[in-house]
Every structure is written in C-alpha cells, then in structure tokens.
Amino acid sequence: MGFSPIDYAAVIVCLAGVTVAGVLIAGRQKDSRDCFPGGKQMSWWSVGFSIVASDTSTLMFISIPGLAFRSGMHFLQLVFRYFITFI
C-alpha cells in the first residue's frame, strides 16, 4: 500500500501550511524570551493544559490504540491513569 498523488499533495500542503504559520508567528517575536516563556503573558494553567494536551494527544491518539491492538489491552491502564491524574 503506497502513497497516491492525493496523499503526496496532502502532505505537501500540510508542511507548507505549518511552515507559513511558523514564519508568520515567529515574525512577532523579538528575542528568545518571547519564544520560550511566551513573553510572560500566559497563565500557569494554560501552559499546564498545553503540556498535558500535547503529551496526551501524542500518546493516546497515535501510539496507544496501535499498541493495544498489537499486544492486548496492557496499555489500557495508561488511559485510566491519565484520566485519574489529569482530572
């Protein structure tokens, strides 16, 4: 099963869109203090939610279903741990 021309086009459009968005957003930053801590304009809870969402979306929506299908439901405890920990 290989990539079709539509798949290649979708990947190219996605990469181009992310690149353009990065260039536009980066143009507003003056130095590294604006980039990493957000110019100290973000609240602690929004940064925390962002970190949790990044970690959770990567693990739960990409890798955990595939691992659960491949090796049984050993990773189901990870899903429950996320819900208990982050709620």
PDB file of N, CA and C in Angstrom:
ATOM      1  N   MET A   1       0.848  -1.168   0.000  1.00  0.00           N
ATOM      2  CA  MET A   1       0.000   0.000   0.000  1.00  0.00           C
ATOM      3  C   MET A   1       0.900   1.239   0.000  1.00  0.00           C
ATOM      4  N   GLY A   2       0.880   1.994  -1.044  1.00  0.00           N
ATOM      5  CA  GLY A   2       1.746   3.155  -1.158  1.00  0.00           C
ATOM      6  C   GLY A   2       0.965   4.448  -1.162  1.00  0.00           C
ATOM      7  N   PHE A   3       1.718   5.515  -1.269  1.00  0.00           N
ATOM      8  CA  PHE A   3       1.118   6.839  -1.328  1.00  0.00           C
ATOM      9  C   PHE A   3       0.577   7.103  -2.727  1.00  0.00           C
ATOM     10  N   SER A   4      -0.599   7.681  -2.781  1.00  0.00           N
ATOM     11  CA  SER A   4      -1.167   8.115  -4.049  1.00  0.00           C
ATOM     12  C   SER A   4      -0.803   9.591  -4.250  1.00  0.00           C
ATOM     13  N   PRO A   5      -1.025  10.127  -5.425  1.00  0.00           N
ATOM     14  CA  PRO A   5      -0.753  11.561  -5.629  1.00  0.00           C
ATOM     15  C   PRO A   5      -1.529  12.464  -4.676  1.00  0.00           C
ATOM     16  N   ILE A   6      -2.728  12.055  -4.294  1.00  0.00           N
ATOM     17  CA  ILE A   6      -3.514  12.849  -3.339  1.00  0.00           C
ATOM     18  C   ILE A   6      -2.834  12.861  -1.971  1.00  0.00           C
ATOM     19  N   ASP A   7      -2.262  11.726  -1.565  1.00  0.00           N
ATOM     20  CA  ASP A   7      -1.550  11.660  -0.296  1.00  0.00           C
ATOM     21  C   ASP A   7      -0.337  12.588  -0.302  1.00  0.00           C
ATOM     22  N   TYR A   8       0.437  12.542  -1.392  1.00  0.00           N
ATOM     23  CA  TYR A   8       1.594  13.433  -1.503  1.00  0.00           C
ATOM     24  C   TYR A   8       1.170  14.897  -1.461  1.00  0.00           C
ATOM     25  N   ALA A   9       0.087  15.221  -2.143  1.00  0.00           N
ATOM     26  CA  ALA A   9      -0.402  16.601  -2.151  1.00  0.00           C
ATOM     27  C   ALA A   9      -0.827  17.031  -0.750  1.00  0.00           C
ATOM     28  N   ALA A  10      -1.490  16.151  -0.017  1.00  0.00           N
ATOM     29  CA  ALA A  10      -1.929  16.484   1.335  1.00  0.00           C
ATOM     30  C   ALA A  10      -0.734  16.724   2.255  1.00  0.00           C
ATOM     31  N   VAL A  11       0.292  15.903   2.145  1.00  0.00           N
ATOM     32  CA  VAL A  11       1.486  16.079   2.974  1.00  0.00           C
ATOM     33  C   VAL A  11       2.181  17.390   2.628  1.00  0.00           C
ATOM     34  N   ILE A  12       2.312  17.689   1.358  1.00  0.00           N
ATOM     35  CA  ILE A  12       2.977  18.924   0.934  1.00  0.00           C
ATOM     36  C   ILE A  12       2.194  20.149   1.398  1.00  0.00           C
ATOM     37  N   VAL A  13       0.875  20.120   1.261  1.00  0.00           N
ATOM     38  CA  VAL A  13       0.047  21.250   1.712  1.00  0.00           C
ATOM     39  C   VAL A  13       0.160  21.423   3.225  1.00  0.00           C
ATOM     40  N   CYS A  14       0.160  20.335   3.960  1.00  0.00           N
ATOM     41  CA  CYS A  14       0.284  20.407   5.419  1.00  0.00           C
ATOM     42  C   CYS A  14       1.636  20.982   5.820  1.00  0.00           C
ATOM     43  N   LEU A  15       2.705  20.495   5.233  1.00  0.00           N
ATOM     44  CA  LEU A  15       4.030  21.003   5.559  1.00  0.00           C
ATOM     45  C   LEU A  15       4.178  22.479   5.187  1.00  0.00           C
ATOM     46  N   ALA A  16       3.642  22.855   4.038  1.00  0.00           N
ATOM     47  CA  ALA A  16       3.707  24.257   3.622  1.00  0.00           C
ATOM     48  C   ALA A  16       2.897  25.135   4.566  1.00  0.00           C
ATOM     49  N   GLY A  17       1.731  24.683   4.973  1.00  0.00           N
ATOM     50  CA  GLY A  17       0.897  25.458   5.895  1.00  0.00           C
ATOM     51  C   GLY A  17       1.562  25.652   7.243  1.00  0.00           C
ATOM     52  N   VAL A  18       2.177  24.603   7.779  1.00  0.00           N
ATOM     53  CA  VAL A  18       2.868  24.709   9.061  1.00  0.00           C
ATOM     54  C   VAL A  18       4.061  25.658   8.939  1.00  0.00           C
ATOM     55  N   THR A  19       4.776  25.581   7.823  1.00  0.00           N
ATOM     56  CA  THR A  19       5.925  26.463   7.613  1.00  0.00           C
ATOM     57  C   THR A  19       5.490  27.926   7.525  1.00  0.00           C
ATOM     58  N   VAL A  20       4.444  28.197   6.767  1.00  0.00           N
ATOM     59  CA  VAL A  20       3.953  29.574   6.634  1.00  0.00           C
ATOM     60  C   VAL A  20       3.461  30.099   7.979  1.00  0.00           C
ATOM     61  N   ALA A  21       2.720  29.291   8.712  1.00  0.00           N
ATOM     62  CA  ALA A  21       2.240  29.723  10.034  1.00  0.00           C
ATOM     63  C   ALA A  21       3.408  30.002  10.966  1.00  0.00           C
ATOM     64  N   GLY A  22       4.446  29.168  10.936  1.00  0.00           N
ATOM     65  CA  GLY A  22       5.621  29.387  11.777  1.00  0.00           C
ATOM     66  C   GLY A  22       6.346  30.670  11.437  1.00  0.00           C
ATOM     67  N   VAL A  23       6.475  30.957  10.152  1.00  0.00           N
ATOM     68  CA  VAL A  23       7.149  32.192   9.733  1.00  0.00           C
ATOM     69  C   VAL A  23       6.345  33.410  10.159  1.00  0.00           C
ATOM     70  N   LEU A  24       5.035  33.351  10.005  1.00  0.00           N
ATOM     71  CA  LEU A  24       4.197  34.493  10.389  1.00  0.00           C
ATOM     72  C   LEU A  24       4.205  34.732  11.891  1.00  0.00           C
ATOM     73  N   ILE A  25       4.124  33.667  12.661  1.00  0.00           N
ATOM     74  CA  ILE A  25       4.103  33.805  14.121  1.00  0.00           C
ATOM     75  C   ILE A  25       5.475  34.215  14.638  1.00  0.00           C
ATOM     76  N   ALA A  26       6.527  33.651  14.069  1.00  0.00           N
ATOM     77  CA  ALA A  26       7.882  33.969  14.535  1.00  0.00           C
ATOM     78  C   ALA A  26       8.240  35.414  14.238  1.00  0.00           C
ATOM     79  N   GLY A  27       7.611  36.028  13.274  1.00  0.00           N
ATOM     80  CA  GLY A  27       7.918  37.412  12.946  1.00  0.00           C
ATOM     81  C   GLY A  27       7.571  38.383  14.052  1.00  0.00           C
ATOM     82  N   ARG A  28       6.682  38.000  14.966  1.00  0.00           N
ATOM     83  CA  ARG A  28       6.285  38.872  16.069  1.00  0.00           C
ATOM     84  C   ARG A  28       7.198  38.761  17.278  1.00  0.00           C
ATOM     85  N   GLN A  29       8.119  37.809  17.268  1.00  0.00           N
ATOM     86  CA  GLN A  29       8.994  37.612  18.416  1.00  0.00           C
ATOM     87  C   GLN A  29      10.243  38.478  18.286  1.00  0.00           C
ATOM     88  N   LYS A  30      10.597  39.117  19.389  1.00  0.00           N
ATOM     89  CA  LYS A  30      11.772  39.986  19.373  1.00  0.00           C
ATOM     90  C   LYS A  30      13.040  39.250  19.776  1.00  0.00           C
ATOM     91  N   ASP A  31      12.930  38.348  20.764  1.00  0.00           N
ATOM     92  CA  ASP A  31      14.092  37.581  21.212  1.00  0.00           C
ATOM     93  C   ASP A  31      13.621  36.249  21.784  1.00  0.00           C
ATOM     94  N   SER A  32      14.558  35.484  22.350  1.00  0.00           N
ATOM     95  CA  SER A  32      14.211  34.147  22.849  1.00  0.00           C
ATOM     96  C   SER A  32      13.275  34.205  24.049  1.00  0.00           C
ATOM     97  N   ARG A  33      13.241  35.312  24.768  1.00  0.00           N
ATOM     98  CA  ARG A  33      12.313  35.432  25.890  1.00  0.00           C
ATOM     99  C   ARG A  33      10.861  35.462  25.429  1.00  0.00           C
ATOM    100  N   ASP A  34      10.624  35.926  24.232  1.00  0.00           N
ATOM    101  CA  ASP A  34       9.264  35.906  23.690  1.00  0.00           C
ATOM    102  C   ASP A  34       8.874  34.512  23.221  1.00  0.00           C
ATOM    103  N   CYS A  35       9.841  33.742  22.794  1.00  0.00           N
ATOM    104  CA  CYS A  35       9.555  32.421  22.233  1.00  0.00           C
ATOM    105  C   CYS A  35       9.261  31.392  23.320  1.00  0.00           C
ATOM    106  N   PHE A  36      10.188  31.198  24.239  1.00  0.00           N
ATOM    107  CA  PHE A  36      10.061  30.089  25.184  1.00  0.00           C
ATOM    108  C   PHE A  36       9.050  30.320  26.291  1.00  0.00           C
ATOM    109  N   PRO A  37       9.100  31.403  27.064  1.00  0.00           N
ATOM    110  CA  PRO A  37       8.080  31.576  28.094  1.00  0.00           C
ATOM    111  C   PRO A  37       6.850  32.352  27.620  1.00  0.00           C
ATOM    112  N   GLY A  38       6.699  32.576  26.342  1.00  0.00           N
ATOM    113  CA  GLY A  38       5.521  33.257  25.815  1.00  0.00           C
ATOM    114  C   GLY A  38       5.457  34.729  26.170  1.00  0.00           C
ATOM    115  N   GLY A  39       6.591  35.356  26.369  1.00  0.00           N
ATOM    116  CA  GLY A  39       6.598  36.769  26.720  1.00  0.00           C
ATOM    117  C   GLY A  39       5.994  37.035  28.082  1.00  0.00           C
ATOM    118  N   LYS A  40       5.900  36.010  28.904  1.00  0.00           N
ATOM    119  CA  LYS A  40       5.312  36.083  30.256  1.00  0.00           C
ATOM    120  C   LYS A  40       3.889  36.608  30.229  1.00  0.00           C
ATOM    121  N   GLN A  41       3.156  36.286  29.175  1.00  0.00           N
ATOM    122  CA  GLN A  41       1.769  36.708  29.061  1.00  0.00           C
ATOM    123  C   GLN A  41       0.796  35.545  29.228  1.00  0.00           C
ATOM    124  N   MET A  42       1.312  34.336  29.396  1.00  0.00           N
ATOM    125  CA  MET A  42       0.444  33.172  29.545  1.00  0.00           C
ATOM    126  C   MET A  42       0.326  32.804  31.020  1.00  0.00           C
ATOM    127  N   SER A  43      -0.866  32.389  31.412  1.00  0.00           N
ATOM    128  CA  SER A  43      -1.063  31.970  32.800  1.00  0.00           C
ATOM    129  C   SER A  43      -0.508  30.565  33.005  1.00  0.00           C
ATOM    130  N   TRP A  44      -0.258  30.204  34.246  1.00  0.00           N
ATOM    131  CA  TRP A  44       0.334  28.903  34.542  1.00  0.00           C
ATOM    132  C   TRP A  44      -0.588  27.772  34.125  1.00  0.00           C
ATOM    133  N   TRP A  45      -1.902  27.958  34.287  1.00  0.00           N
ATOM    134  CA  TRP A  45      -2.819  26.868  33.975  1.00  0.00           C
ATOM    135  C   TRP A  45      -2.931  26.646  32.467  1.00  0.00           C
ATOM    136  N   SER A  46      -2.816  27.703  31.656  1.00  0.00           N
ATOM    137  CA  SER A  46      -2.879  27.499  30.214  1.00  0.00           C
ATOM    138  C   SER A  46      -1.618  26.789  29.704  1.00  0.00           C
ATOM    139  N   VAL A  47      -0.473  27.090  30.307  1.00  0.00           N
ATOM    140  CA  VAL A  47       0.755  26.377  29.951  1.00  0.00           C
ATOM    141  C   VAL A  47       0.638  24.917  30.371  1.00  0.00           C
ATOM    142  N   GLY A  48       0.114  24.668  31.555  1.00  0.00           N
ATOM    143  CA  GLY A  48      -0.067  23.293  32.026  1.00  0.00           C
ATOM    144  C   GLY A  48      -1.001  22.497  31.134  1.00  0.00           C
ATOM    145  N   PHE A  49      -2.134  23.083  30.757  1.00  0.00           N
ATOM    146  CA  PHE A  49      -3.059  22.402  29.850  1.00  0.00           C
ATOM    147  C   PHE A  49      -2.425  22.134  28.499  1.00  0.00           C
ATOM    148  N   SER A  50      -1.621  23.056  28.020  1.00  0.00           N
ATOM    149  CA  SER A  50      -0.948  22.874  26.743  1.00  0.00           C
ATOM    150  C   SER A  50       0.019  21.697  26.791  1.00  0.00           C
ATOM    151  N   ILE A  51       0.783  21.596  27.865  1.00  0.00           N
ATOM    152  CA  ILE A  51       1.722  20.483  28.013  1.00  0.00           C
ATOM    153  C   ILE A  51       0.983  19.158  28.106  1.00  0.00           C
ATOM    154  N   VAL A  52      -0.051  19.112  28.914  1.00  0.00           N
ATOM    155  CA  VAL A  52      -0.831  17.877  29.063  1.00  0.00           C
ATOM    156  C   VAL A  52      -1.491  17.495  27.745  1.00  0.00           C
ATOM    157  N   ALA A  53      -2.043  18.467  27.032  1.00  0.00           N
ATOM    158  CA  ALA A  53      -2.706  18.175  25.760  1.00  0.00           C
ATOM    159  C   ALA A  53      -1.713  17.662  24.731  1.00  0.00           C
ATOM    160  N   SER A  54      -0.534  18.232  24.685  1.00  0.00           N
ATOM    161  CA  SER A  54       0.475  17.764  23.736  1.00  0.00           C
ATOM    162  C   SER A  54       0.888  16.329  24.039  1.00  0.00           C
ATOM    163  N   ASP A  55       1.147  16.060  25.301  1.00  0.00           N
ATOM    164  CA  ASP A  55       1.553  14.718  25.699  1.00  0.00           C
ATOM    165  C   ASP A  55       0.427  13.722  25.490  1.00  0.00           C
ATOM    166  N   THR A  56      -0.761  14.070  25.913  1.00  0.00           N
ATOM    167  CA  THR A  56      -1.894  13.155  25.823  1.00  0.00           C
ATOM    168  C   THR A  56      -2.282  12.882  24.379  1.00  0.00           C
ATOM    169  N   SER A  57      -2.323  13.910  23.556  1.00  0.00           N
ATOM    170  CA  SER A  57      -2.742  13.680  22.180  1.00  0.00           C
ATOM    171  C   SER A  57      -1.746  12.807  21.439  1.00  0.00           C
ATOM    172  N   THR A  58      -0.469  13.002  21.683  1.00  0.00           N
ATOM    173  CA  THR A  58       0.541  12.196  21.007  1.00  0.00           C
ATOM    174  C   THR A  58       0.444  10.749  21.442  1.00  0.00           C
ATOM    175  N   LEU A  59       0.385  10.514  22.736  1.00  0.00           N
ATOM    176  CA  LEU A  59       0.376   9.141  23.228  1.00  0.00           C
ATOM    177  C   LEU A  59      -0.945   8.428  22.995  1.00  0.00           C
ATOM    178  N   MET A  60      -2.029   9.106  23.313  1.00  0.00           N
ATOM    179  CA  MET A  60      -3.312   8.408  23.309  1.00  0.00           C
ATOM    180  C   MET A  60      -3.901   8.226  21.921  1.00  0.00           C
ATOM    181  N   PHE A  61      -3.691   9.152  21.029  1.00  0.00           N
ATOM    182  CA  PHE A  61      -4.367   9.056  19.746  1.00  0.00           C
ATOM    183  C   PHE A  61      -3.513   8.422  18.657  1.00  0.00           C
ATOM    184  N   ILE A  62      -2.212   8.311  18.871  1.00  0.00           N
ATOM    185  CA  ILE A  62      -1.363   7.723  17.849  1.00  0.00           C
ATOM    186  C   ILE A  62      -0.834   6.361  18.279  1.00  0.00           C
ATOM    187  N   SER A  63      -0.176   6.302  19.432  1.00  0.00           N
ATOM    188  CA  SER A  63       0.518   5.071  19.764  1.00  0.00           C
ATOM    189  C   SER A  63      -0.301   4.084  20.587  1.00  0.00           C
ATOM    190  N   ILE A  64      -1.074   4.541  21.528  1.00  0.00           N
ATOM    191  CA  ILE A  64      -1.767   3.623  22.437  1.00  0.00           C
ATOM    192  C   ILE A  64      -2.755   2.705  21.713  1.00  0.00           C
ATOM    193  N   PRO A  65      -3.609   3.185  20.798  1.00  0.00           N
ATOM    194  CA  PRO A  65      -4.508   2.247  20.114  1.00  0.00           C
ATOM    195  C   PRO A  65      -3.767   1.169  19.327  1.00  0.00           C
ATOM    196  N   GLY A  66      -2.683   1.540  18.667  1.00  0.00           N
ATOM    197  CA  GLY A  66      -1.916   0.543  17.926  1.00  0.00           C
ATOM    198  C   GLY A  66      -1.256  -0.467  18.839  1.00  0.00           C
ATOM    199  N   LEU A  67      -0.694   0.004  19.946  1.00  0.00           N
ATOM    200  CA  LEU A  67      -0.072  -0.916  20.896  1.00  0.00           C
ATOM    201  C   LEU A  67      -1.116  -1.811  21.563  1.00  0.00           C
ATOM    202  N   ALA A  68      -2.279  -1.255  21.875  1.00  0.00           N
ATOM    203  CA  ALA A  68      -3.335  -2.066  22.488  1.00  0.00           C
ATOM    204  C   ALA A  68      -3.822  -3.138  21.521  1.00  0.00           C
ATOM    205  N   PHE A  69      -3.920  -2.806  20.256  1.00  0.00           N
ATOM    206  CA  PHE A  69      -4.349  -3.793  19.260  1.00  0.00           C
ATOM    207  C   PHE A  69      -3.306  -4.882  19.089  1.00  0.00           C
ATOM    208  N   ARG A  70      -2.047  -4.493  19.138  1.00  0.00           N
ATOM    209  CA  ARG A  70      -0.967  -5.438  18.884  1.00  0.00           C
ATOM    210  C   ARG A  70      -0.680  -6.349  20.073  1.00  0.00           C
ATOM    211  N   SER A  71      -0.732  -5.814  21.286  1.00  0.00           N
ATOM    212  CA  SER A  71      -0.294  -6.592  22.441  1.00  0.00           C
ATOM    213  C   SER A  71      -1.377  -6.803  23.489  1.00  0.00           C
ATOM    214  N   GLY A  72      -2.598  -6.729  23.118  1.00  0.00           N
ATOM    215  CA  GLY A  72      -3.658  -6.867  24.099  1.00  0.00           C
ATOM    216  C   GLY A  72      -3.961  -5.519  24.727  1.00  0.00           C
ATOM    217  N   MET A  73      -4.581  -5.551  25.862  1.00  0.00           N
ATOM    218  CA  MET A  73      -5.010  -4.307  26.497  1.00  0.00           C
ATOM    219  C   MET A  73      -4.113  -3.906  27.663  1.00  0.00           C
ATOM    220  N   HIS A  74      -2.809  -4.161  27.557  1.00  0.00           N
ATOM    221  CA  HIS A  74      -1.882  -3.792  28.618  1.00  0.00           C
ATOM    222  C   HIS A  74      -1.798  -2.282  28.806  1.00  0.00           C
ATOM    223  N   PHE A  75      -2.004  -1.531  27.747  1.00  0.00           N
ATOM    224  CA  PHE A  75      -1.876  -0.086  27.834  1.00  0.00           C
ATOM    225  C   PHE A  75      -3.174   0.597  28.251  1.00  0.00           C
ATOM    226  N   LEU A  76      -4.207  -0.171  28.495  1.00  0.00           N
ATOM    227  CA  LEU A  76      -5.463   0.418  28.943  1.00  0.00           C
ATOM    228  C   LEU A  76      -5.295   1.092  30.306  1.00  0.00           C
ATOM    229  N   GLN A  77      -4.415   0.553  31.141  1.00  0.00           N
ATOM    230  CA  GLN A  77      -4.160   1.176  32.443  1.00  0.00           C
ATOM    231  C   GLN A  77      -3.570   2.565  32.284  1.00  0.00           C
ATOM    232  N   LEU A  78      -2.824   2.803  31.201  1.00  0.00           N
ATOM    233  CA  LEU A  78      -2.269   4.126  30.952  1.00  0.00           C
ATOM    234  C   LEU A  78      -3.380   5.144  30.688  1.00  0.00           C
ATOM    235  N   VAL A  79      -4.384   4.734  29.952  1.00  0.00           N
ATOM    236  CA  VAL A  79      -5.518   5.611  29.668  1.00  0.00           C
ATOM    237  C   VAL A  79      -6.249   5.959  30.959  1.00  0.00           C
ATOM    238  N   PHE A  80      -6.494   4.967  31.787  1.00  0.00           N
ATOM    239  CA  PHE A  80      -7.171   5.234  33.058  1.00  0.00           C
ATOM    240  C   PHE A  80      -6.310   6.114  33.964  1.00  0.00           C
ATOM    241  N   ARG A  81      -5.009   5.892  33.964  1.00  0.00           N
ATOM    242  CA  ARG A  81      -4.126   6.704  34.780  1.00  0.00           C
ATOM    243  C   ARG A  81      -4.158   8.167  34.323  1.00  0.00           C
ATOM    244  N   TYR A  82      -4.207   8.393  33.016  1.00  0.00           N
ATOM    245  CA  TYR A  82      -4.309   9.765  32.512  1.00  0.00           C
ATOM    246  C   TYR A  82      -5.589  10.446  33.002  1.00  0.00           C
ATOM    247  N   PHE A  83      -6.699   9.727  32.887  1.00  0.00           N
ATOM    248  CA  PHE A  83      -7.958  10.337  33.312  1.00  0.00           C
ATOM    249  C   PHE A  83      -7.969  10.638  34.811  1.00  0.00           C
ATOM    250  N   ILE A  84      -7.443   9.719  35.599  1.00  0.00           N
ATOM    251  CA  ILE A  84      -7.426   9.940  37.060  1.00  0.00           C
ATOM    252  C   ILE A  84      -6.458  11.048  37.433  1.00  0.00           C
ATOM    253  N   THR A  85      -5.296  11.087  36.784  1.00  0.00           N
ATOM    254  CA  THR A  85      -4.277  12.072  37.119  1.00  0.00           C
ATOM    255  C   THR A  85      -4.651  13.477  36.682  1.00  0.00           C
ATOM    256  N   PHE A  86      -5.194  13.602  35.498  1.00  0.00           N
ATOM    257  CA  PHE A  86      -5.396  14.931  34.914  1.00  0.00           C
ATOM    258  C   PHE A  86      -6.763  15.520  35.181  1.00  0.00           C
ATOM    259  N   ILE A  87      -7.636  14.804  35.801  1.00  0.00           N
ATOM    260  CA  ILE A  87      -8.968  15.359  36.084  1.00  0.00           C
ATOM    261  C   ILE A  87      -9.000  15.968  37.462  1.00  0.00           C
TER     262      ILE A  87
END
